[in-house]
């Protein structure tokens, strides 16, 4: 069972999404909040949230400003930004702050459902237009500094950037899941980071 929460201030978006997710098999959607402040109050009195769909433009504390605070309070929560903003600065700020996915609001409901499952399984879902912007930014800002990573580690990082879970990366590269996890630990150590989202951010900024 995947516990999902929504923070979205527009009622006409929040309520249909809440109703849709509430009826999905193996989903538990108990929290639909119009602000970060309301979410925090409700989350403190509910079951732990696995995946949070978080808007950026909100009354009170913004979604971007709330990511770190939410992660500090609930480290295990997986945050997917669901927003109209698609500029590179906000995308990178969200990922760097701890978000693991970034979707635009015109994403179909069934795609949002798939993104939640992907996130729960360790993936990094991105809307196609967001992925294109990231790739374009990456190509423009690619660094000439020699990467500390091996070719295999670079392949794994590429899989992370594509939003693949470790399980999917292992399948695509013909390795075991344990082997990929071992490589990932080496990647984190070499890059001096602690999470997949930090690896992705470094890669997209051309720092690897």
Protein backbone atom coordinates (compact mmCIF):
# COMPACT_ATOMS: atom_id res chain seq x y z
CA UNK A 1 0.00 0.00 0.00
CA UNK A 2 1.41 3.38 -1.08
CA UNK A 3 0.41 6.30 1.13
CA UNK A 4 0.01 9.46 -0.98
CA UNK A 5 -0.62 13.10 -0.02
CA UNK A 6 -1.37 16.17 -2.14
CA UNK A 7 -0.52 19.82 -1.50
CA UNK A 8 -2.29 21.95 -4.11
CA UNK A 9 -4.09 25.24 -3.50
CA UNK A 10 -6.37 25.11 -6.55
CA UNK A 11 -9.49 23.21 -5.52
CA UNK A 12 -10.44 22.23 -9.08
CA UNK A 13 -7.08 20.46 -9.44
CA UNK A 14 -6.70 19.11 -5.91
CA UNK A 15 -10.11 17.48 -5.49
CA UNK A 16 -10.27 15.49 -8.78
CA UNK A 17 -6.70 14.29 -8.22
CA UNK A 18 -7.52 13.33 -4.62
CA UNK A 19 -10.64 11.44 -5.71
CA UNK A 20 -8.75 9.64 -8.48
CA UNK A 21 -5.88 8.51 -6.25
CA UNK A 22 -8.27 7.52 -3.45
CA UNK A 23 -9.90 4.96 -5.73
CA UNK A 24 -6.68 3.36 -7.03
CA UNK A 25 -5.83 -0.17 -5.95
CA UNK A 26 -2.94 -0.33 -3.44
CA UNK A 27 -3.09 3.45 -2.92
CA UNK A 28 -4.03 5.21 0.32
CA UNK A 29 -4.73 8.91 -0.14
CA UNK A 30 -5.88 10.55 3.09
CA UNK A 31 -4.39 14.04 2.86
CA UNK A 32 -5.38 16.76 0.41
CA UNK A 33 -4.10 20.13 1.62
CA UNK A 34 -4.13 23.61 0.08
CA UNK A 35 -0.95 24.74 1.86
CA UNK A 36 2.25 23.33 3.32
CA UNK A 37 1.16 24.47 6.75
CA UNK A 38 -2.10 22.50 6.48
CA UNK A 39 -0.24 19.44 5.22
CA UNK A 40 2.13 19.45 8.20
CA UNK A 41 -0.76 19.55 10.67
CA UNK A 42 -2.58 16.72 8.90
CA UNK A 43 0.57 14.61 8.38
CA UNK A 44 1.39 14.71 12.08
CA UNK A 45 -1.91 12.95 12.77
CA UNK A 46 -1.95 10.38 9.97
CA UNK A 47 -0.08 7.34 8.74
CA UNK A 48 3.43 8.04 7.35
CA UNK A 49 3.28 9.47 3.81
CA UNK A 50 5.30 7.58 1.18
CA UNK A 51 4.85 9.99 -1.75
CA UNK A 52 3.93 13.68 -1.62
CA UNK A 53 2.69 15.59 -4.67
CA UNK A 54 3.77 19.16 -3.98
CA UNK A 55 2.89 22.36 -5.85
CA UNK A 56 5.35 25.28 -5.95
CA UNK A 57 3.10 28.35 -6.00
CA UNK A 58 1.21 28.07 -2.71
CA UNK A 59 -0.28 30.46 -0.14
CA UNK A 60 2.13 30.85 2.76
CA UNK A 61 5.30 28.80 2.44
CA UNK A 62 6.15 27.93 -1.17
CA UNK A 63 6.63 24.36 -2.30
CA UNK A 64 10.30 24.96 -3.08
CA UNK A 65 10.90 26.51 0.31
CA UNK A 66 9.18 23.62 2.04
CA UNK A 67 11.10 20.70 0.53
CA UNK A 68 14.06 20.74 2.91
CA UNK A 69 11.83 21.33 5.92
CA UNK A 70 9.55 18.42 5.01
CA UNK A 71 12.54 16.13 4.36
CA UNK A 72 14.07 17.10 7.71
CA UNK A 73 10.83 16.24 9.47
CA UNK A 74 10.06 13.09 7.46
CA UNK A 75 13.31 11.84 5.82
CA UNK A 76 11.64 8.83 4.19
CA UNK A 77 9.05 10.86 2.28
CA UNK A 78 9.41 11.00 -1.54
CA UNK A 79 8.48 14.39 -2.99
CA UNK A 80 7.24 14.86 -6.56
CA UNK A 81 6.78 18.46 -7.65
CA UNK A 82 3.49 18.94 -9.54
CA UNK A 83 3.53 22.47 -10.92
CA UNK A 84 3.10 24.83 -13.87
CA UNK A 85 6.69 26.07 -13.53
CA UNK A 86 9.10 24.50 -16.02
CA UNK A 87 12.18 26.74 -15.91
CA UNK A 88 15.58 25.18 -15.26
CA UNK A 89 16.28 27.14 -12.08
CA UNK A 90 13.19 25.83 -10.30
CA UNK A 91 13.76 22.29 -11.58
CA UNK A 92 17.33 22.19 -10.26
CA UNK A 93 16.41 23.91 -7.02
CA UNK A 94 13.71 21.32 -6.39
CA UNK A 95 15.99 18.36 -7.11
CA UNK A 96 18.85 19.84 -5.13
CA UNK A 97 16.56 20.44 -2.15
CA UNK A 98 15.48 16.80 -2.09
CA UNK A 99 12.60 16.32 -4.55
CA UNK A 100 12.82 13.06 -6.51
CA UNK A 101 10.46 13.89 -9.38
CA UNK A 102 9.11 16.85 -11.36
CA UNK A 103 5.81 16.81 -13.26
CA UNK A 104 3.85 19.58 -14.97
CA UNK A 105 0.17 19.97 -14.13
CA UNK A 106 -1.08 18.90 -17.55
CA UNK A 107 0.20 15.38 -16.85
CA UNK A 108 -2.66 12.88 -17.33
CA UNK A 109 -3.98 11.23 -14.17
CA UNK A 110 -2.82 7.76 -15.18
CA UNK A 111 0.69 9.14 -15.78
CA UNK A 112 0.69 10.71 -12.32
CA UNK A 113 -0.30 7.32 -10.91
CA UNK A 114 2.58 5.67 -12.80
CA UNK A 115 4.98 8.34 -11.53
CA UNK A 116 3.94 7.69 -7.93
CA UNK A 117 4.58 3.96 -8.31
CA UNK A 118 7.90 4.64 -10.05
CA UNK A 119 8.96 6.99 -7.24
CA UNK A 120 7.95 4.48 -4.58
CA UNK A 121 10.14 1.89 -6.31
CA UNK A 122 13.15 4.23 -6.41
CA UNK A 123 12.68 6.01 -9.73
CA UNK A 124 12.89 9.71 -10.61
CA UNK A 125 9.88 10.58 -12.77
CA UNK A 126 10.07 13.64 -15.03
CA UNK A 127 7.52 15.02 -17.46
CA UNK A 128 8.83 14.71 -21.07
CA UNK A 129 9.07 18.49 -21.46
CA UNK A 130 11.01 18.74 -18.18
CA UNK A 131 13.40 16.00 -19.28
CA UNK A 132 14.01 17.85 -22.57
CA UNK A 133 14.79 21.10 -20.76
CA UNK A 134 17.21 19.29 -18.47
CA UNK A 135 19.00 17.61 -21.38
CA UNK A 136 19.28 20.93 -23.22
CA UNK A 137 20.68 22.62 -20.13
CA UNK A 138 23.09 19.73 -19.61
CA UNK A 139 24.39 19.93 -23.18
CA UNK A 140 24.98 23.67 -22.87
CA UNK A 141 26.74 23.48 -19.52
CA UNK A 142 28.66 20.23 -19.90
CA UNK A 143 32.00 20.54 -18.14
CA UNK A 144 35.34 19.55 -19.62
CA UNK A 145 36.65 18.48 -16.20
CA UNK A 146 37.71 14.83 -16.16
CA UNK A 147 35.08 12.73 -14.43
CA UNK A 148 36.14 10.66 -11.41
CA UNK A 149 33.66 7.95 -12.46
CA UNK A 150 34.33 4.77 -14.41
CA UNK A 151 32.45 4.03 -17.64
CA UNK A 152 30.14 1.65 -15.76
CA UNK A 153 29.43 4.28 -13.10
CA UNK A 154 28.68 6.82 -15.84
CA UNK A 155 26.15 4.39 -17.32
CA UNK A 156 24.49 4.07 -13.93
CA UNK A 157 24.37 7.85 -13.52
CA UNK A 158 22.79 8.10 -17.00
CA UNK A 159 20.13 5.67 -15.84
CA UNK A 160 19.49 7.78 -12.74
CA UNK A 161 19.10 10.91 -14.88
CA UNK A 162 16.62 9.01 -17.09
CA UNK A 163 14.52 8.39 -13.98
CA UNK A 164 15.19 4.64 -13.79
CA UNK A 165 15.07 2.74 -10.52
CA UNK A 166 18.13 0.72 -9.48
CA UNK A 167 16.17 -2.41 -10.41
CA UNK A 168 15.60 -1.12 -13.96
CA UNK A 169 19.23 0.01 -14.30
CA UNK A 170 20.38 -3.48 -13.26
CA UNK A 171 18.08 -5.05 -15.87
CA UNK A 172 19.24 -2.72 -18.65
CA UNK A 173 22.94 -3.19 -17.89
CA UNK A 174 22.73 -6.93 -17.28
CA UNK A 175 23.87 -6.70 -13.66
CA UNK A 176 22.38 -7.80 -10.37
CA UNK A 177 20.57 -5.29 -8.18
CA UNK A 178 23.24 -5.72 -5.48
CA UNK A 179 25.98 -4.90 -8.01
CA UNK A 180 24.23 -1.69 -9.06
CA UNK A 181 23.69 -0.69 -5.43
CA UNK A 182 27.40 -1.30 -4.75
CA UNK A 183 28.35 0.90 -7.73
CA UNK A 184 25.90 3.55 -6.49
CA UNK A 185 27.64 3.65 -3.11
CA UNK A 186 30.97 4.21 -4.88
CA UNK A 187 29.39 6.97 -6.98
CA UNK A 188 28.06 8.71 -3.85
CA UNK A 189 31.48 8.44 -2.21
CA UNK A 190 33.39 9.79 -5.22
CA UNK A 191 30.99 12.68 -5.72
CA UNK A 192 30.65 13.34 -1.97
CA UNK A 193 26.86 13.19 -2.04
CA UNK A 194 24.24 11.27 -0.07
CA UNK A 195 21.36 10.73 -2.45
CA UNK A 196 20.32 9.92 -6.00
CA UNK A 197 18.81 13.39 -6.46
CA UNK A 198 22.18 15.00 -5.63
CA UNK A 199 23.90 12.78 -8.22
CA UNK A 200 21.31 13.79 -10.82
CA UNK A 201 21.74 17.48 -10.01
CA UNK A 202 25.54 17.26 -10.34
CA UNK A 203 25.21 15.39 -13.63
CA UNK A 204 22.72 17.86 -15.08
CA UNK A 205 24.92 20.77 -14.09
CA UNK A 206 27.85 19.18 -15.92
CA UNK A 207 29.87 18.65 -12.73
CA UNK A 208 30.63 14.95 -13.35
